[in-house]
Amino acid sequence: MSRWLRKISLYFAAGSLGGLVNSIALWLFGAYGINAALQVAIHPRLTPTWLYPRIVWGGIWGLVFLLPLVKSRFVLRGLVLSLGPTLVQLCYVFPNVQHKGMLGVKLGMLTPVLVIVLNAIWGIAAALWLRLVDRST
């Protein structure tokens, strides 16, 4: 039982770290004009109100690392598992919660590309953290 609790805690922490890295990357993309150059209308302010739910959801999504997929290739594993939050963002959150159209295209036609890249950053950061702290992942 304690082994499972340790794994769940570790994966939540890895996902949370990935959420932090993803959020800082998104903020930097906005601050340095990358989003504007892509004509994507996402330019967040780095505030606790914006950051907190992203870190928590990153941690919740970190639990997908419990799935035994591509365990020997940790970067590939992070990329594959990042498809889960990507699909939810593009196919549920943007159209149904934020009313930004399917795939978030009301924010700009390249929004899906930006989401894929940023969630890949989440997946790689989480996978690297897991690789550093737990050799059994």
N, C-alpha and C. Protein backbone atom coordinates (compact mmCIF):
# COMPACT_ATOMS: atom_id res chain seq x y z
N MET A 1 0.82 -1.20 0.00
CA MET A 1 0.00 0.00 0.00
C MET A 1 0.86 1.27 0.00
N SER A 2 1.89 1.29 0.83
CA SER A 2 2.72 2.49 0.89
C SER A 2 3.49 2.70 -0.41
N ARG A 3 3.80 1.62 -1.13
CA ARG A 3 4.46 1.74 -2.43
C ARG A 3 3.56 2.49 -3.41
N TRP A 4 2.27 2.18 -3.43
CA TRP A 4 1.32 2.85 -4.31
C TRP A 4 1.13 4.31 -3.93
N LEU A 5 1.04 4.56 -2.64
CA LEU A 5 0.91 5.96 -2.19
C LEU A 5 2.13 6.77 -2.59
N ARG A 6 3.31 6.15 -2.47
CA ARG A 6 4.54 6.82 -2.87
C ARG A 6 4.51 7.13 -4.36
N LYS A 7 4.11 6.17 -5.18
CA LYS A 7 4.04 6.37 -6.63
C LYS A 7 3.03 7.46 -6.99
N ILE A 8 1.85 7.41 -6.40
CA ILE A 8 0.82 8.41 -6.68
C ILE A 8 1.32 9.81 -6.31
N SER A 9 1.95 9.90 -5.14
CA SER A 9 2.49 11.20 -4.71
C SER A 9 3.58 11.68 -5.65
N LEU A 10 4.45 10.78 -6.05
CA LEU A 10 5.55 11.13 -6.94
C LEU A 10 5.02 11.58 -8.31
N TYR A 11 4.05 10.87 -8.85
CA TYR A 11 3.52 11.21 -10.16
C TYR A 11 2.73 12.51 -10.11
N PHE A 12 2.02 12.74 -9.01
CA PHE A 12 1.32 14.02 -8.86
C PHE A 12 2.34 15.16 -8.81
N ALA A 13 3.41 14.97 -8.05
CA ALA A 13 4.44 16.00 -7.95
C ALA A 13 5.11 16.25 -9.31
N ALA A 14 5.37 15.18 -10.05
CA ALA A 14 5.99 15.33 -11.37
C ALA A 14 5.05 16.10 -12.30
N GLY A 15 3.77 15.76 -12.28
CA GLY A 15 2.81 16.48 -13.11
C GLY A 15 2.69 17.93 -12.71
N SER A 16 2.75 18.20 -11.41
CA SER A 16 2.69 19.58 -10.92
C SER A 16 3.90 20.37 -11.39
N LEU A 17 5.07 19.76 -11.32
CA LEU A 17 6.28 20.42 -11.82
C LEU A 17 6.13 20.67 -13.32
N GLY A 18 5.61 19.68 -14.04
CA GLY A 18 5.36 19.87 -15.47
C GLY A 18 4.39 21.01 -15.71
N GLY A 19 3.36 21.12 -14.86
CA GLY A 19 2.40 22.22 -14.97
C GLY A 19 3.06 23.57 -14.74
N LEU A 20 3.98 23.63 -13.80
CA LEU A 20 4.71 24.87 -13.55
C LEU A 20 5.59 25.24 -14.74
N VAL A 21 6.33 24.26 -15.26
CA VAL A 21 7.21 24.52 -16.41
C VAL A 21 6.38 24.92 -17.63
N ASN A 22 5.27 24.22 -17.87
CA ASN A 22 4.37 24.54 -18.97
C ASN A 22 3.84 25.96 -18.83
N SER A 23 3.43 26.33 -17.63
CA SER A 23 2.85 27.66 -17.39
C SER A 23 3.89 28.76 -17.60
N ILE A 24 5.09 28.55 -17.11
CA ILE A 24 6.15 29.55 -17.31
C ILE A 24 6.48 29.67 -18.79
N ALA A 25 6.51 28.54 -19.50
CA ALA A 25 6.76 28.58 -20.94
C ALA A 25 5.67 29.37 -21.65
N LEU A 26 4.41 29.11 -21.31
CA LEU A 26 3.30 29.84 -21.94
C LEU A 26 3.40 31.33 -21.64
N TRP A 27 3.70 31.67 -20.40
CA TRP A 27 3.85 33.08 -20.03
C TRP A 27 5.00 33.72 -20.82
N LEU A 28 6.13 33.01 -20.92
CA LEU A 28 7.27 33.54 -21.67
C LEU A 28 6.94 33.70 -23.15
N PHE A 29 6.22 32.72 -23.71
CA PHE A 29 5.80 32.83 -25.11
C PHE A 29 4.97 34.10 -25.30
N GLY A 30 4.10 34.39 -24.35
CA GLY A 30 3.29 35.60 -24.43
C GLY A 30 4.12 36.84 -24.22
N ALA A 31 5.00 36.82 -23.22
CA ALA A 31 5.80 37.99 -22.88
C ALA A 31 6.79 38.36 -23.98
N TYR A 32 7.32 37.36 -24.67
CA TYR A 32 8.30 37.62 -25.74
C TYR A 32 7.66 37.74 -27.12
N GLY A 33 6.34 37.73 -27.18
CA GLY A 33 5.64 37.99 -28.43
C GLY A 33 5.54 36.79 -29.37
N ILE A 34 5.87 35.61 -28.90
CA ILE A 34 5.77 34.43 -29.76
C ILE A 34 4.31 34.15 -30.10
N ASN A 35 3.44 34.20 -29.10
CA ASN A 35 2.01 33.98 -29.35
C ASN A 35 1.46 35.01 -30.33
N ALA A 36 1.85 36.26 -30.16
CA ALA A 36 1.38 37.31 -31.06
C ALA A 36 1.90 37.08 -32.48
N ALA A 37 3.16 36.65 -32.60
CA ALA A 37 3.72 36.37 -33.93
C ALA A 37 2.97 35.22 -34.61
N LEU A 38 2.48 34.27 -33.80
CA LEU A 38 1.69 33.16 -34.33
C LEU A 38 0.23 33.56 -34.54
N GLN A 39 -0.10 34.78 -34.16
CA GLN A 39 -1.48 35.30 -34.21
C GLN A 39 -2.41 34.46 -33.34
N VAL A 40 -1.91 34.10 -32.15
CA VAL A 40 -2.69 33.38 -31.15
C VAL A 40 -2.94 34.34 -29.99
N ALA A 41 -4.20 34.58 -29.68
CA ALA A 41 -4.59 35.56 -28.67
C ALA A 41 -4.56 34.95 -27.26
N ILE A 42 -3.41 34.48 -26.88
CA ILE A 42 -3.21 34.00 -25.50
C ILE A 42 -2.01 34.76 -24.96
N HIS A 43 -2.24 35.55 -23.94
CA HIS A 43 -1.16 36.33 -23.33
C HIS A 43 -1.44 36.43 -21.82
N PRO A 44 -1.15 35.34 -21.10
CA PRO A 44 -1.48 35.31 -19.67
C PRO A 44 -0.57 36.21 -18.84
N ARG A 45 -1.11 36.58 -17.70
CA ARG A 45 -0.32 37.29 -16.69
C ARG A 45 0.09 36.27 -15.66
N LEU A 46 1.33 36.30 -15.24
CA LEU A 46 1.87 35.34 -14.28
C LEU A 46 1.43 35.75 -12.87
N THR A 47 0.24 35.27 -12.49
CA THR A 47 -0.31 35.57 -11.17
C THR A 47 -0.64 34.27 -10.46
N PRO A 48 -0.72 34.29 -9.15
CA PRO A 48 -1.09 33.07 -8.43
C PRO A 48 -2.46 32.53 -8.85
N THR A 49 -3.40 33.42 -9.15
CA THR A 49 -4.74 32.99 -9.56
C THR A 49 -4.71 32.21 -10.87
N TRP A 50 -3.85 32.61 -11.77
CA TRP A 50 -3.72 31.91 -13.05
C TRP A 50 -2.87 30.65 -12.89
N LEU A 51 -1.82 30.74 -12.08
CA LEU A 51 -0.85 29.64 -11.97
C LEU A 51 -1.36 28.47 -11.14
N TYR A 52 -2.03 28.73 -10.05
CA TYR A 52 -2.44 27.67 -9.12
C TYR A 52 -3.24 26.54 -9.79
N PRO A 53 -4.33 26.83 -10.49
CA PRO A 53 -5.09 25.71 -11.08
C PRO A 53 -4.29 24.96 -12.14
N ARG A 54 -3.38 25.63 -12.82
CA ARG A 54 -2.56 24.97 -13.83
C ARG A 54 -1.59 23.97 -13.19
N ILE A 55 -1.06 24.32 -12.03
CA ILE A 55 -0.16 23.40 -11.32
C ILE A 55 -0.95 22.22 -10.77
N VAL A 56 -2.12 22.48 -10.20
CA VAL A 56 -2.95 21.40 -9.66
C VAL A 56 -3.40 20.46 -10.78
N TRP A 57 -3.91 21.01 -11.88
CA TRP A 57 -4.32 20.15 -13.00
C TRP A 57 -3.14 19.42 -13.60
N GLY A 58 -1.99 20.06 -13.63
CA GLY A 58 -0.78 19.36 -14.08
C GLY A 58 -0.50 18.15 -13.21
N GLY A 59 -0.68 18.32 -11.89
CA GLY A 59 -0.48 17.20 -10.97
C GLY A 59 -1.50 16.09 -11.19
N ILE A 60 -2.74 16.47 -11.39
CA ILE A 60 -3.77 15.45 -11.65
C ILE A 60 -3.45 14.70 -12.94
N TRP A 61 -3.08 15.43 -13.98
CA TRP A 61 -2.70 14.77 -15.23
C TRP A 61 -1.44 13.94 -15.06
N GLY A 62 -0.60 14.28 -14.09
CA GLY A 62 0.61 13.48 -13.83
C GLY A 62 0.30 12.03 -13.48
N LEU A 63 -0.92 11.79 -13.00
CA LEU A 63 -1.30 10.42 -12.65
C LEU A 63 -1.39 9.52 -13.87
N VAL A 64 -1.44 10.08 -15.09
CA VAL A 64 -1.44 9.23 -16.29
C VAL A 64 -0.11 8.49 -16.42
N PHE A 65 0.92 8.95 -15.73
CA PHE A 65 2.20 8.24 -15.76
C PHE A 65 2.13 6.89 -15.06
N LEU A 66 1.02 6.62 -14.38
CA LEU A 66 0.81 5.28 -13.82
C LEU A 66 0.59 4.25 -14.92
N LEU A 67 0.15 4.71 -16.10
CA LEU A 67 -0.05 3.80 -17.22
C LEU A 67 1.30 3.24 -17.68
N PRO A 68 1.37 1.95 -17.91
CA PRO A 68 2.66 1.34 -18.28
C PRO A 68 2.97 1.49 -19.77
N LEU A 69 3.11 2.72 -20.24
CA LEU A 69 3.39 2.98 -21.64
C LEU A 69 4.82 3.44 -21.85
N VAL A 70 5.52 2.86 -22.75
CA VAL A 70 6.85 3.27 -23.19
C VAL A 70 7.75 3.62 -21.99
N LYS A 71 7.79 2.75 -21.01
CA LYS A 71 8.51 3.06 -19.78
C LYS A 71 10.01 3.21 -19.98
N SER A 72 10.57 2.54 -20.96
CA SER A 72 12.02 2.59 -21.13
C SER A 72 12.50 3.86 -21.86
N ARG A 73 11.61 4.54 -22.54
CA ARG A 73 11.96 5.76 -23.28
C ARG A 73 11.20 6.93 -22.69
N PHE A 74 11.78 7.54 -21.65
CA PHE A 74 11.04 8.49 -20.83
C PHE A 74 10.59 9.73 -21.58
N VAL A 75 11.38 10.26 -22.51
CA VAL A 75 10.94 11.45 -23.25
C VAL A 75 9.76 11.09 -24.15
N LEU A 76 9.85 9.97 -24.84
CA LEU A 76 8.75 9.52 -25.68
C LEU A 76 7.50 9.28 -24.83
N ARG A 77 7.70 8.73 -23.65
CA ARG A 77 6.59 8.50 -22.73
C ARG A 77 5.90 9.81 -22.38
N GLY A 78 6.68 10.83 -22.05
CA GLY A 78 6.11 12.14 -21.74
C GLY A 78 5.35 12.73 -22.91
N LEU A 79 5.89 12.56 -24.10
CA LEU A 79 5.22 13.08 -25.30
C LEU A 79 3.91 12.35 -25.56
N VAL A 80 3.92 11.03 -25.45
CA VAL A 80 2.70 10.25 -25.68
C VAL A 80 1.64 10.61 -24.64
N LEU A 81 2.04 10.68 -23.38
CA LEU A 81 1.07 10.96 -22.32
C LEU A 81 0.58 12.41 -22.36
N SER A 82 1.34 13.30 -22.98
CA SER A 82 0.89 14.69 -23.08
C SER A 82 -0.29 14.83 -24.05
N LEU A 83 -0.56 13.81 -24.82
CA LEU A 83 -1.69 13.86 -25.74
C LEU A 83 -3.03 13.89 -24.99
N GLY A 84 -3.09 13.31 -23.79
CA GLY A 84 -4.32 13.32 -23.00
C GLY A 84 -4.78 14.74 -22.67
N PRO A 85 -3.95 15.51 -21.96
CA PRO A 85 -4.38 16.89 -21.66
C PRO A 85 -4.54 17.75 -22.92
N THR A 86 -3.79 17.44 -23.95
CA THR A 86 -3.92 18.18 -25.21
C THR A 86 -5.30 17.99 -25.80
N LEU A 87 -5.73 16.75 -25.89
CA LEU A 87 -7.06 16.46 -26.45
C LEU A 87 -8.18 17.06 -25.61
N VAL A 88 -8.04 17.00 -24.29
CA VAL A 88 -9.07 17.58 -23.42
C VAL A 88 -9.13 19.09 -23.62
N GLN A 89 -7.98 19.75 -23.67
CA GLN A 89 -7.96 21.21 -23.87
C GLN A 89 -8.57 21.60 -25.21
N LEU A 90 -8.15 20.90 -26.25
CA LEU A 90 -8.59 21.28 -27.60
C LEU A 90 -10.04 20.90 -27.90
N CYS A 91 -10.47 19.74 -27.38
CA CYS A 91 -11.78 19.21 -27.77
C CYS A 91 -12.88 19.39 -26.71
N TYR A 92 -12.49 19.76 -25.48
CA TYR A 92 -13.51 19.98 -24.45
C TYR A 92 -13.42 21.39 -23.86
N VAL A 93 -12.25 21.75 -23.32
CA VAL A 93 -12.14 23.02 -22.59
C VAL A 93 -12.37 24.22 -23.51
N PHE A 94 -11.63 24.29 -24.62
CA PHE A 94 -11.81 25.44 -25.51
C PHE A 94 -13.25 25.56 -26.02
N PRO A 95 -13.83 24.50 -26.58
CA PRO A 95 -15.18 24.69 -27.14
C PRO A 95 -16.30 24.78 -26.10
N ASN A 96 -16.22 24.03 -25.01
CA ASN A 96 -17.34 23.93 -24.08
C ASN A 96 -17.23 24.79 -22.83
N VAL A 97 -16.03 25.03 -22.36
CA VAL A 97 -15.85 25.80 -21.12
C VAL A 97 -15.51 27.25 -21.45
N GLN A 98 -14.57 27.45 -22.35
CA GLN A 98 -14.12 28.81 -22.67
C GLN A 98 -14.82 29.39 -23.90
N HIS A 99 -15.57 28.58 -24.61
CA HIS A 99 -16.31 29.03 -25.81
C HIS A 99 -15.40 29.70 -26.84
N LYS A 100 -14.27 29.03 -27.09
CA LYS A 100 -13.29 29.54 -28.06
C LYS A 100 -13.27 28.72 -29.34
N GLY A 101 -14.29 27.92 -29.55
CA GLY A 101 -14.39 27.11 -30.76
C GLY A 101 -13.64 25.80 -30.62
N MET A 102 -14.00 24.86 -31.48
CA MET A 102 -13.30 23.58 -31.50
C MET A 102 -11.83 23.83 -31.79
N LEU A 103 -10.98 23.22 -31.00
CA LEU A 103 -9.53 23.36 -31.09
C LEU A 103 -9.03 24.75 -30.68
N GLY A 104 -9.93 25.60 -30.20
CA GLY A 104 -9.55 26.95 -29.77
C GLY A 104 -9.25 27.89 -30.92
N VAL A 105 -9.78 27.60 -32.11
CA VAL A 105 -9.43 28.40 -33.28
C VAL A 105 -9.91 29.85 -33.20
N LYS A 106 -10.85 30.16 -32.31
CA LYS A 106 -11.25 31.56 -32.15
C LYS A 106 -10.11 32.38 -31.52
N LEU A 107 -9.15 31.70 -30.93
CA LEU A 107 -7.97 32.38 -30.38
C LEU A 107 -6.88 32.55 -31.44
N GLY A 108 -7.05 31.87 -32.56
CA GLY A 108 -6.07 31.92 -33.64
C GLY A 108 -5.93 30.54 -34.26
N MET A 109 -5.66 30.52 -35.55
CA MET A 109 -5.61 29.24 -36.27
C MET A 109 -4.48 28.33 -35.80
N LEU A 110 -3.42 28.90 -35.24
CA LEU A 110 -2.29 28.09 -34.79
C LEU A 110 -2.39 27.71 -33.31
N THR A 111 -3.53 27.98 -32.70
CA THR A 111 -3.72 27.62 -31.29
C THR A 111 -3.48 26.13 -31.05
N PRO A 112 -3.99 25.22 -31.89
CA PRO A 112 -3.72 23.80 -31.64
C PRO A 112 -2.23 23.46 -31.61
N VAL A 113 -1.45 24.09 -32.48
CA VAL A 113 -0.01 23.85 -32.52
C VAL A 113 0.62 24.31 -31.21
N LEU A 114 0.23 25.48 -30.75
CA LEU A 114 0.75 26.01 -29.49
C LEU A 114 0.41 25.09 -28.32
N VAL A 115 -0.81 24.60 -28.27
CA VAL A 115 -1.23 23.70 -27.20
C VAL A 115 -0.44 22.40 -27.25
N ILE A 116 -0.23 21.85 -28.43
CA ILE A 116 0.55 20.62 -28.57
C ILE A 116 1.97 20.83 -28.06
N VAL A 117 2.60 21.93 -28.45
CA VAL A 117 3.98 22.23 -28.03
C VAL A 117 4.06 22.41 -26.52
N LEU A 118 3.13 23.19 -25.96
CA LEU A 118 3.18 23.46 -24.52
C LEU A 118 2.88 22.21 -23.69
N ASN A 119 1.96 21.39 -24.15
CA ASN A 119 1.70 20.15 -23.41
C ASN A 119 2.83 19.15 -23.58
N ALA A 120 3.53 19.20 -24.70
CA ALA A 120 4.74 18.38 -24.86
C ALA A 120 5.79 18.81 -23.83
N ILE A 121 5.89 20.11 -23.60
CA ILE A 121 6.80 20.62 -22.57
C ILE A 121 6.40 20.06 -21.21
N TRP A 122 5.09 20.07 -20.91
CA TRP A 122 4.60 19.47 -19.65
C TRP A 122 5.04 18.01 -19.55
N GLY A 123 4.79 17.23 -20.59
CA GLY A 123 5.08 15.81 -20.56
C GLY A 123 6.57 15.52 -20.41
N ILE A 124 7.39 16.27 -21.12
CA ILE A 124 8.83 16.05 -21.04
C ILE A 124 9.36 16.44 -19.67
N ALA A 125 8.90 17.58 -19.14
CA ALA A 125 9.35 18.02 -17.81
C ALA A 125 8.96 17.00 -16.74
N ALA A 126 7.73 16.50 -16.80
CA ALA A 126 7.28 15.50 -15.82
C ALA A 126 8.08 14.21 -15.97
N ALA A 127 8.29 13.77 -17.20
CA ALA A 127 9.03 12.53 -17.43
C ALA A 127 10.49 12.65 -16.98
N LEU A 128 11.10 13.80 -17.24
CA LEU A 128 12.48 14.01 -16.80
C LEU A 128 12.58 13.99 -15.28
N TRP A 129 11.62 14.64 -14.62
CA TRP A 129 11.61 14.63 -13.16
C TRP A 129 11.48 13.20 -12.63
N LEU A 130 10.56 12.46 -13.20
CA LEU A 130 10.39 11.07 -12.77
C LEU A 130 11.66 10.27 -12.99
N ARG A 131 12.30 10.48 -14.11
CA ARG A 131 13.54 9.78 -14.42
C ARG A 131 14.63 10.12 -13.41
N LEU A 132 14.67 11.38 -12.98
CA LEU A 132 15.70 11.80 -12.01
C LEU A 132 15.46 11.22 -10.63
N VAL A 133 14.22 11.13 -10.20
CA VAL A 133 13.96 10.78 -8.80
C VAL A 133 13.54 9.34 -8.57
N ASP A 134 13.13 8.64 -9.63
CA ASP A 134 12.65 7.28 -9.42
C ASP A 134 13.05 6.40 -10.60
N ARG A 135 14.04 5.59 -10.41
CA ARG A 135 14.54 4.72 -11.49
C ARG A 135 13.57 3.60 -11.84
N SER A 136 12.54 3.38 -11.03
CA SER A 136 11.58 2.30 -11.32
C SER A 136 10.48 2.75 -12.27
N THR A 137 10.47 4.05 -12.66
CA THR A 137 9.42 4.52 -13.57
C THR A 137 9.75 4.10 -14.93
